[in-house]
Amino acid sequence: MLGLLLFLSVTSAKLHHFYVGQISSTALHALELDDELHTLYEMGIIPTTTASPSLVIDHSRKFLFSSSPQDGTLTRYAIQSDYSLVTEANTTIPASCNATAFSTLHLTPSSQAPYSIYGSASTGNCSVLFSTSVSGFKSLRSKEFAGDIRSLAWSPNGRHLHALDSHSSQSAATSIFNFYISADDTLNAQNQTDILANVTNAEQMVTHPTGNLVYVVTKDSNELVTIPLQGSETPASPSRFKILPSSMDPSQYTTLSLTISSSKTSLWTLSQSPAQVVVTVFSLDPTTGVVINTVARAGWTGDGAFFPAQISPAPFAGNDIVAVTNSPVGYTAFIGLDKGTTALGEAGDVKIAGEDFLEDAWMLNVKSGAVAAPKLKSYGRIALAFDSLGEGVWVD
């Protein structure tokens, strides 16, 4: 068993906790954020037996699962009252694609009984979906797909699991496989596939919590694409939005991650060059999920090396807050969207002053005629050595 001795902290209703995985090193970082005082510190480092680029917490909030694509394994940790972790079990995903090592392995928890952990494993040209019960006693596997499944997302009712295939071996087109997940699931109930017309190099997707929309970001063209899920073999008609402003050279950037805040009213994207991270925020209709416009943008310089960064929404109420891991090397940054606090301005890029690590940042004001423009603000940034950080996950 592996444990972590954490420093004692003052009890506060504003304290939140966050684990950060690593792509190649065998350790997890435990962080604590006070969103009222804007203070952040590292509680400790948890040694692990494998790398942990993908992390999820189960529905009960009692167990943390990490994945290791290099050997196709999952590890379950019990979360203790002091946020230390105890290693409980390791399991290997069902044999697939004639491989035991994968290029990517992503996880997602189910919100419906029996609350299993689902995942996708890809070699780059062959992929499968799998699931494991929280106890680890039941494992399932889908058929193999001749493609590269890069991302998973749930329907609003938690009964349909959508898998993003960035390209199949037969076509460069992006597809979304749709699975119906029953209480006694077999992972064989695949519904029809949504084929995305003229969408290539799709990197990641999310679904709206209430609307029947899926959002996809493209890696090379730096676009946000929204698609109504139709479940048909005919191409879905997407809507497209530019993520980067015309003043930036898009060939220098790749868009890697997106998320929707807990308020359901803002969508965040993360783009990255070898020297800079750019976060762009779009406003959403909270009921339908329709993209309204771009409301804020911030960027900051990095250390030069390039590792994929990820963005994760906070689960608690208040100002929309997200965590950015590996931004771009060894940092975890917490950013909030403070709505309606700045003076009315014309659309355009303006400097932000006095925003902690956003000293090199800018903000895009909303269009003229609005009452006020949202503002991005820092909740703190912490350097975690020079580790190539993986995904982060909020505990509370």
Protein backbone atom coordinates (compact mmCIF):
# COMPACT_ATOMS: atom_id res chain seq x y z
CA MET A 1 0.00 0.00 0.00
CA LEU A 2 1.14 3.49 -0.76
CA GLY A 3 0.16 6.43 1.40
CA LEU A 4 0.82 10.15 1.70
CA LEU A 5 1.34 12.19 4.86
CA LEU A 6 -0.23 15.61 4.25
CA PHE A 7 0.24 18.87 6.11
CA LEU A 8 -2.63 19.92 8.32
CA SER A 9 -4.59 22.90 7.01
CA VAL A 10 -7.11 25.30 8.51
CA THR A 11 -10.68 24.10 8.00
CA SER A 12 -12.54 26.27 5.51
CA ALA A 13 -15.65 25.88 3.38
CA LYS A 14 -13.67 27.44 0.57
CA LEU A 15 -10.99 24.77 0.43
CA HIS A 16 -10.92 22.52 -2.62
CA HIS A 17 -8.59 19.68 -3.53
CA PHE A 18 -7.08 18.57 -6.80
CA TYR A 19 -4.93 15.63 -7.90
CA VAL A 20 -2.52 15.92 -10.84
CA GLY A 21 -1.18 12.91 -12.72
CA GLN A 22 2.06 12.56 -14.64
CA ILE A 23 2.69 11.32 -18.16
CA SER A 24 5.97 9.54 -17.55
CA SER A 25 6.90 9.82 -13.84
CA THR A 26 5.58 7.59 -11.08
CA ALA A 27 3.94 10.09 -8.75
CA LEU A 28 0.74 12.07 -8.18
CA HIS A 29 0.55 15.64 -6.87
CA ALA A 30 -2.08 16.66 -4.29
CA LEU A 31 -3.02 20.38 -4.32
CA GLU A 32 -5.24 22.55 -2.13
CA LEU A 33 -6.95 25.73 -3.36
CA ASP A 34 -8.68 28.34 -1.25
CA ASP A 35 -10.92 30.05 -3.79
CA GLU A 36 -11.77 32.87 -1.37
CA LEU A 37 -8.22 33.86 -0.42
CA HIS A 38 -6.76 32.83 -3.81
CA THR A 39 -4.11 30.72 -2.11
CA LEU A 40 -2.71 27.49 -3.50
CA TYR A 41 -0.14 25.04 -2.23
CA GLU A 42 1.05 21.50 -2.77
CA MET A 43 -0.05 19.24 0.05
CA GLY A 44 2.31 16.45 -0.94
CA ILE A 45 3.54 14.01 -3.57
CA ILE A 46 2.17 10.48 -3.73
CA PRO A 47 4.55 7.81 -5.11
CA THR A 48 2.92 5.40 -7.55
CA THR A 49 4.00 2.21 -9.29
CA THR A 50 3.11 3.45 -12.80
CA ALA A 51 2.63 6.71 -14.67
CA SER A 52 -0.85 8.26 -14.50
CA PRO A 53 -1.64 10.50 -17.49
CA SER A 54 -5.42 9.94 -17.14
CA LEU A 55 -7.33 10.31 -13.84
CA VAL A 56 -10.99 10.02 -12.81
CA ILE A 57 -12.90 9.84 -9.53
CA ASP A 58 -15.86 7.49 -9.29
CA HIS A 59 -19.46 8.54 -8.62
CA SER A 60 -19.16 7.98 -4.85
CA ARG A 61 -16.12 10.32 -4.69
CA LYS A 62 -14.34 7.63 -2.64
CA PHE A 63 -11.99 6.16 -5.25
CA LEU A 64 -9.45 7.60 -7.68
CA PHE A 65 -8.60 5.62 -10.83
CA SER A 66 -5.45 6.18 -12.90
CA SER A 67 -4.39 4.62 -16.18
CA SER A 68 -1.06 3.57 -17.64
CA PRO A 69 -1.21 3.23 -21.44
CA GLN A 70 2.33 1.83 -21.58
CA ASP A 71 1.16 -1.46 -20.10
CA GLY A 72 -2.64 -1.20 -20.39
CA THR A 73 -3.30 -1.16 -16.65
CA LEU A 74 -5.62 0.68 -14.25
CA THR A 75 -4.94 1.42 -10.60
CA ARG A 76 -7.61 2.07 -7.94
CA TYR A 77 -6.82 4.26 -4.93
CA ALA A 78 -8.99 4.81 -1.86
CA ILE A 79 -9.24 8.53 -1.01
CA GLN A 80 -8.66 9.09 2.70
CA SER A 81 -10.18 11.82 4.88
CA ASP A 82 -6.88 13.74 4.83
CA TYR A 83 -6.72 13.37 0.98
CA SER A 84 -3.93 10.84 1.15
CA LEU A 85 -4.32 7.82 -1.11
CA VAL A 86 -4.08 4.11 -0.43
CA THR A 87 -3.39 1.81 -3.39
CA GLU A 88 -6.06 -0.90 -3.40
CA ALA A 89 -5.81 -2.78 -6.68
CA ASN A 90 -4.28 -2.98 -10.14
CA THR A 91 -6.04 -4.47 -13.13
CA THR A 92 -5.27 -5.02 -16.80
CA ILE A 93 -7.82 -3.97 -19.40
CA PRO A 94 -9.23 -6.85 -21.48
CA ALA A 95 -6.83 -7.99 -24.21
CA SER A 96 -7.42 -6.10 -27.44
CA CYS A 97 -5.89 -4.92 -30.73
CA ASN A 98 -3.19 -7.59 -30.42
CA ALA A 99 -1.46 -5.27 -27.98
CA THR A 100 -0.82 -4.81 -24.29
CA ALA A 101 0.60 -1.28 -24.69
CA PHE A 102 -1.34 1.65 -26.10
CA SER A 103 -0.60 5.16 -27.32
CA THR A 104 -3.59 6.63 -25.44
CA LEU A 105 -5.84 5.39 -22.67
CA HIS A 106 -8.69 7.64 -21.47
CA LEU A 107 -11.11 7.14 -18.56
CA THR A 108 -14.56 8.46 -17.66
CA PRO A 109 -16.87 7.62 -14.72
CA SER A 110 -20.53 6.69 -15.18
CA SER A 111 -23.17 8.72 -13.33
CA GLN A 112 -25.74 5.90 -13.51
CA ALA A 113 -25.96 2.55 -11.74
CA PRO A 114 -23.85 0.45 -11.49
CA TYR A 115 -21.45 3.45 -11.67
CA SER A 116 -18.66 1.67 -13.52
CA ILE A 117 -15.49 3.26 -14.88
CA TYR A 118 -15.39 3.34 -18.69
CA GLY A 119 -12.39 3.91 -20.92
CA SER A 120 -10.95 3.83 -24.40
CA ALA A 121 -7.61 2.37 -25.43
CA SER A 122 -5.98 3.09 -28.79
CA THR A 123 -2.82 1.98 -30.56
CA GLY A 124 -3.31 4.82 -33.07
CA ASN A 125 -5.03 2.65 -35.67
CA CYS A 126 -6.99 0.18 -33.53
CA SER A 127 -9.22 1.07 -30.59
CA VAL A 128 -11.59 -0.49 -28.07
CA LEU A 129 -13.93 0.67 -25.35
CA PHE A 130 -13.85 -1.10 -21.99
CA SER A 131 -15.35 -0.81 -18.54
CA THR A 132 -14.55 -2.03 -15.07
CA SER A 133 -16.71 -2.07 -11.98
CA VAL A 134 -15.50 0.07 -9.09
CA SER A 135 -14.77 -3.13 -7.17
CA GLY A 136 -12.84 -4.48 -10.16
CA PHE A 137 -14.70 -7.79 -10.30
CA LYS A 138 -16.42 -7.21 -13.65
CA SER A 139 -14.71 -6.09 -16.85
CA LEU A 140 -16.20 -5.60 -20.31
CA ARG A 141 -14.83 -4.85 -23.76
CA SER A 142 -16.39 -3.64 -26.99
CA LYS A 143 -15.52 -4.93 -30.41
CA GLU A 144 -12.34 -3.53 -31.98
CA PHE A 145 -12.52 -0.43 -34.19
CA ALA A 146 -10.13 0.28 -37.04
CA GLY A 147 -9.56 3.85 -35.91
CA ASP A 148 -8.16 6.13 -33.22
CA ILE A 149 -10.63 6.81 -30.38
CA ARG A 150 -9.31 9.92 -28.63
CA SER A 151 -12.10 11.08 -26.32
CA LEU A 152 -15.26 9.97 -24.47
CA ALA A 153 -18.34 11.94 -23.38
CA TRP A 154 -21.71 11.12 -21.81
CA SER A 155 -25.19 12.14 -22.92
CA PRO A 156 -27.14 14.36 -20.47
CA ASN A 157 -29.12 11.37 -19.15
CA GLY A 158 -25.96 9.34 -18.58
CA ARG A 159 -27.18 6.39 -20.66
CA HIS A 160 -25.37 7.07 -23.94
CA LEU A 161 -21.58 7.01 -24.18
CA HIS A 162 -20.09 8.82 -27.19
CA ALA A 163 -16.61 7.93 -28.48
CA LEU A 164 -14.68 10.28 -30.77
CA ASP A 165 -12.76 8.51 -33.54
CA SER A 166 -10.37 11.11 -34.93
CA HIS A 167 -9.90 9.04 -38.11
CA SER A 168 -10.63 5.53 -39.25
CA SER A 169 -8.19 3.40 -41.21
CA GLN A 170 -10.51 3.65 -44.22
CA SER A 171 -11.14 7.40 -44.13
CA ALA A 172 -9.74 10.64 -42.73
CA ALA A 173 -13.25 11.63 -41.61
CA THR A 174 -14.02 12.07 -37.93
CA SER A 175 -16.77 9.89 -36.49
CA ILE A 176 -18.63 9.64 -33.20
CA PHE A 177 -19.62 6.12 -32.13
CA ASN A 178 -22.71 6.05 -29.93
CA PHE A 179 -23.25 3.34 -27.32
CA TYR A 180 -26.33 2.73 -25.21
CA ILE A 181 -25.25 1.85 -21.67
CA SER A 182 -27.82 -0.18 -19.73
CA ALA A 183 -27.81 -1.13 -16.07
CA ASP A 184 -26.59 -4.58 -17.15
CA ASP A 185 -24.32 -3.41 -19.93
CA THR A 186 -22.32 -5.57 -22.34
CA LEU A 187 -20.74 -2.75 -24.42
CA ASN A 188 -22.26 -4.37 -27.50
CA ALA A 189 -25.23 -2.00 -27.87
CA GLN A 190 -23.63 0.34 -30.40
CA ASN A 191 -26.13 2.70 -32.00
CA GLN A 192 -25.62 4.37 -35.35
CA THR A 193 -22.53 6.49 -35.97
CA ASP A 194 -22.40 10.25 -36.50
CA ILE A 195 -19.99 11.12 -39.31
CA LEU A 196 -18.71 14.69 -39.11
CA ALA A 197 -18.50 16.34 -42.50
CA ASN A 198 -15.19 18.08 -43.25
CA VAL A 199 -13.86 17.70 -39.69
CA THR A 200 -10.34 16.29 -39.46
CA ASN A 201 -7.74 15.92 -36.70
CA ALA A 202 -10.37 16.07 -33.99
CA GLU A 203 -8.65 15.96 -30.62
CA GLN A 204 -11.21 16.05 -27.83
CA MET A 205 -14.95 16.40 -27.23
CA VAL A 206 -17.48 17.18 -24.50
CA THR A 207 -21.28 17.14 -24.40
CA HIS A 208 -23.58 19.76 -22.91
CA PRO A 209 -25.18 18.79 -19.56
CA THR A 210 -28.71 19.52 -20.82
CA GLY A 211 -28.62 20.22 -24.57
CA ASN A 212 -28.27 17.56 -27.25
CA LEU A 213 -25.00 19.02 -28.53
CA VAL A 214 -21.47 17.70 -28.73
CA TYR A 215 -18.47 20.03 -28.93
CA VAL A 216 -15.25 19.03 -30.67
CA VAL A 217 -11.92 20.86 -30.96
CA THR A 218 -9.65 20.24 -33.94
CA LYS A 219 -5.96 19.94 -33.27
CA ASP A 220 -4.46 21.63 -36.32
CA SER A 221 -7.12 24.03 -37.62
CA ASN A 222 -7.85 25.30 -34.08
CA GLU A 223 -11.61 25.25 -34.48
CA LEU A 224 -14.48 24.67 -32.08
CA VAL A 225 -17.09 22.53 -33.84
CA THR A 226 -20.60 21.94 -32.48
CA ILE A 227 -22.72 19.07 -33.76
CA PRO A 228 -26.27 17.96 -32.94
CA LEU A 229 -26.11 14.26 -32.20
CA GLN A 230 -28.32 12.63 -34.82
CA GLY A 231 -27.28 9.00 -34.66
CA SER A 232 -27.36 8.44 -38.41
CA GLU A 233 -24.95 7.40 -41.10
CA THR A 234 -25.51 10.67 -42.98
CA PRO A 235 -22.99 13.43 -42.19
CA ALA A 236 -23.99 15.70 -39.31
CA SER A 237 -24.04 19.42 -40.13
CA PRO A 238 -21.52 21.15 -37.85
CA SER A 239 -21.22 24.80 -36.77
CA ARG A 240 -17.67 26.15 -36.63
CA PHE A 241 -16.01 28.83 -34.52
CA LYS A 242 -12.45 30.13 -34.70
CA ILE A 243 -10.65 29.71 -31.41
CA LEU A 244 -7.65 31.98 -32.05
CA PRO A 245 -7.81 35.64 -33.11
CA SER A 246 -6.66 36.68 -36.58
CA SER A 247 -3.64 38.41 -35.05
CA MET A 248 -2.12 35.03 -34.11
CA ASP A 249 -0.53 32.58 -36.53
CA PRO A 250 -2.67 29.41 -36.22
CA SER A 251 0.06 27.24 -37.76
CA GLN A 252 2.08 27.71 -34.55
CA TYR A 253 -0.69 26.37 -32.30
CA THR A 254 -2.57 23.17 -31.62
CA THR A 255 -5.86 23.05 -29.71
CA LEU A 256 -5.75 20.16 -27.30
CA SER A 257 -8.52 20.38 -24.74
CA LEU A 258 -11.95 21.80 -23.95
CA THR A 259 -14.44 21.71 -21.09
CA ILE A 260 -17.77 23.15 -19.92
CA SER A 261 -17.98 24.88 -16.55
CA SER A 262 -20.29 23.72 -13.76
CA SER A 263 -22.60 26.67 -14.45
CA LYS A 264 -23.27 25.30 -17.98
CA THR A 265 -22.86 28.86 -19.32
CA SER A 266 -19.24 28.87 -20.49
CA LEU A 267 -17.07 26.61 -22.64
CA TRP A 268 -13.29 26.79 -22.30
CA THR A 269 -10.72 25.75 -24.90
CA LEU A 270 -6.97 25.40 -24.53
CA SER A 271 -4.51 25.98 -27.37
CA GLN A 272 -0.75 25.69 -27.14
CA SER A 273 2.46 26.50 -28.95
CA PRO A 274 5.95 25.51 -27.78
CA ALA A 275 6.18 28.85 -25.97
CA GLN A 276 2.64 29.85 -25.03
CA VAL A 277 -0.72 28.67 -23.71
CA VAL A 278 -3.96 30.35 -24.82
CA VAL A 279 -7.31 29.89 -23.06
CA THR A 280 -10.43 31.04 -24.91
CA VAL A 281 -13.89 31.21 -23.30
CA PHE A 282 -17.18 31.01 -25.21
CA SER A 283 -20.57 31.82 -23.68
CA LEU A 284 -23.32 29.19 -23.98
CA ASP A 285 -27.07 29.15 -23.74
CA PRO A 286 -27.45 27.25 -20.43
CA THR A 287 -30.47 25.25 -21.67
CA THR A 288 -29.70 24.42 -25.30
CA GLY A 289 -25.91 24.69 -25.18
CA VAL A 290 -25.80 26.87 -28.31
CA VAL A 291 -22.57 28.88 -28.58
CA ILE A 292 -23.35 32.61 -28.28
CA ASN A 293 -19.97 34.33 -28.70
CA THR A 294 -16.37 34.59 -27.49
CA VAL A 295 -16.30 36.44 -24.18
CA ALA A 296 -12.73 36.22 -22.89
CA ARG A 297 -9.26 35.10 -23.86
CA ALA A 298 -6.00 34.92 -21.94
CA GLY A 299 -2.51 33.69 -22.72
CA TRP A 300 0.78 33.39 -20.94
CA THR A 301 4.29 32.43 -21.90
CA GLY A 302 5.94 29.20 -20.93
CA ASP A 303 9.37 27.65 -20.68
CA GLY A 304 9.84 26.55 -24.27
CA ALA A 305 9.32 22.78 -24.12
CA PHE A 306 6.09 21.29 -25.42
CA PHE A 307 3.85 18.85 -23.60
CA PRO A 308 0.09 18.44 -24.07
CA ALA A 309 -1.88 20.54 -21.60
CA GLN A 310 -5.33 19.74 -20.20
CA ILE A 311 -8.16 21.81 -18.73
CA SER A 312 -10.54 20.63 -15.99
CA PRO A 313 -13.68 22.39 -14.64
CA ALA A 314 -14.27 22.89 -10.93
CA PRO A 315 -17.40 21.07 -9.66
CA PHE A 316 -18.40 23.72 -7.11
CA ALA A 317 -20.59 26.80 -7.53
CA GLY A 318 -19.38 30.40 -7.74
CA ASN A 319 -17.21 32.03 -10.35
CA ASP A 320 -16.52 29.58 -13.16
CA ILE A 321 -13.11 28.12 -12.31
CA VAL A 322 -10.93 25.74 -14.30
CA ALA A 323 -7.56 24.14 -13.68
CA VAL A 324 -4.93 24.01 -16.42
CA THR A 325 -2.25 21.36 -16.00
CA ASN A 326 1.12 21.42 -17.75
CA SER A 327 0.89 24.98 -18.91
CA PRO A 328 3.16 24.31 -20.61
CA VAL A 329 5.80 22.61 -18.43
CA GLY A 330 5.37 21.54 -14.82
CA TYR A 331 2.70 24.10 -13.88
CA THR A 332 -0.87 23.85 -12.69
CA ALA A 333 -2.83 27.10 -12.99
CA PHE A 334 -6.32 27.93 -11.67
CA ILE A 335 -8.33 30.54 -13.59
CA GLY A 336 -11.80 31.97 -13.00
CA LEU A 337 -14.28 33.88 -15.15
CA ASP A 338 -15.53 36.93 -13.26
CA LYS A 339 -18.65 38.02 -15.11
CA GLY A 340 -19.73 41.62 -15.51
CA THR A 341 -16.94 43.35 -13.58
CA THR A 342 -15.18 45.40 -16.24
CA ALA A 343 -16.24 48.48 -18.12
CA LEU A 344 -17.91 48.25 -21.50
CA GLY A 345 -15.46 48.09 -24.37
CA GLU A 346 -15.23 47.52 -28.09
CA ALA A 347 -14.38 44.05 -29.30
CA GLY A 348 -10.63 43.61 -29.36
CA ASP A 349 -7.58 42.52 -27.42
CA VAL A 350 -6.69 44.57 -24.34
CA LYS A 351 -4.08 44.03 -21.66
CA ILE A 352 -4.91 42.72 -18.21
CA ALA A 353 -2.92 44.30 -15.41
CA GLY A 354 -2.09 42.90 -11.99
CA GLU A 355 -3.38 39.37 -12.56
CA ASP A 356 -0.66 37.31 -10.89
CA PHE A 357 0.78 34.95 -13.52
CA LEU A 358 -1.28 36.56 -16.31
CA GLU A 359 1.31 39.31 -16.66
CA ASP A 360 1.66 38.49 -20.36
CA ALA A 361 -2.05 37.98 -20.85
CA TRP A 362 -4.77 39.74 -22.79
CA MET A 363 -8.54 39.69 -22.68
CA LEU A 364 -11.04 39.85 -25.52
CA ASN A 365 -13.91 42.16 -24.59
CA VAL A 366 -17.44 41.35 -25.62
CA LYS A 367 -18.99 43.31 -28.48
CA SER A 368 -20.05 46.89 -28.06
CA GLY A 369 -23.56 47.22 -26.66
CA ALA A 370 -23.22 44.75 -23.81
CA VAL A 371 -23.56 45.88 -20.22
CA ALA A 372 -20.16 44.63 -19.13
CA ALA A 373 -17.38 42.31 -20.20
CA PRO A 374 -16.37 39.17 -18.29
CA LYS A 375 -12.83 39.11 -16.99
CA LEU A 376 -10.41 36.24 -16.48
CA LYS A 377 -8.61 36.27 -13.17
CA SER A 378 -5.98 34.11 -11.55
CA TYR A 379 -6.61 31.92 -8.53
CA GLY A 380 -2.96 30.95 -8.38
CA ARG A 381 -0.31 28.97 -10.19
CA ILE A 382 2.10 26.40 -8.81
CA ALA A 383 5.28 24.94 -10.29
CA LEU A 384 5.48 21.17 -9.90
CA ALA A 385 9.16 20.74 -10.78
CA PHE A 386 9.56 20.05 -14.50
CA ASP A 387 7.31 17.04 -14.69
CA SER A 388 5.30 16.35 -17.84
CA LEU A 389 1.92 16.61 -16.18
CA GLY A 390 -1.09 14.59 -17.23
CA GLU A 391 -4.74 15.21 -16.46
CA GLY A 392 -5.96 16.71 -13.24
CA VAL A 393 -9.14 15.84 -11.33
CA TRP A 394 -11.08 17.74 -8.67
CA VAL A 395 -11.95 15.94 -5.45
CA ASP A 396 -14.28 18.61 -4.06
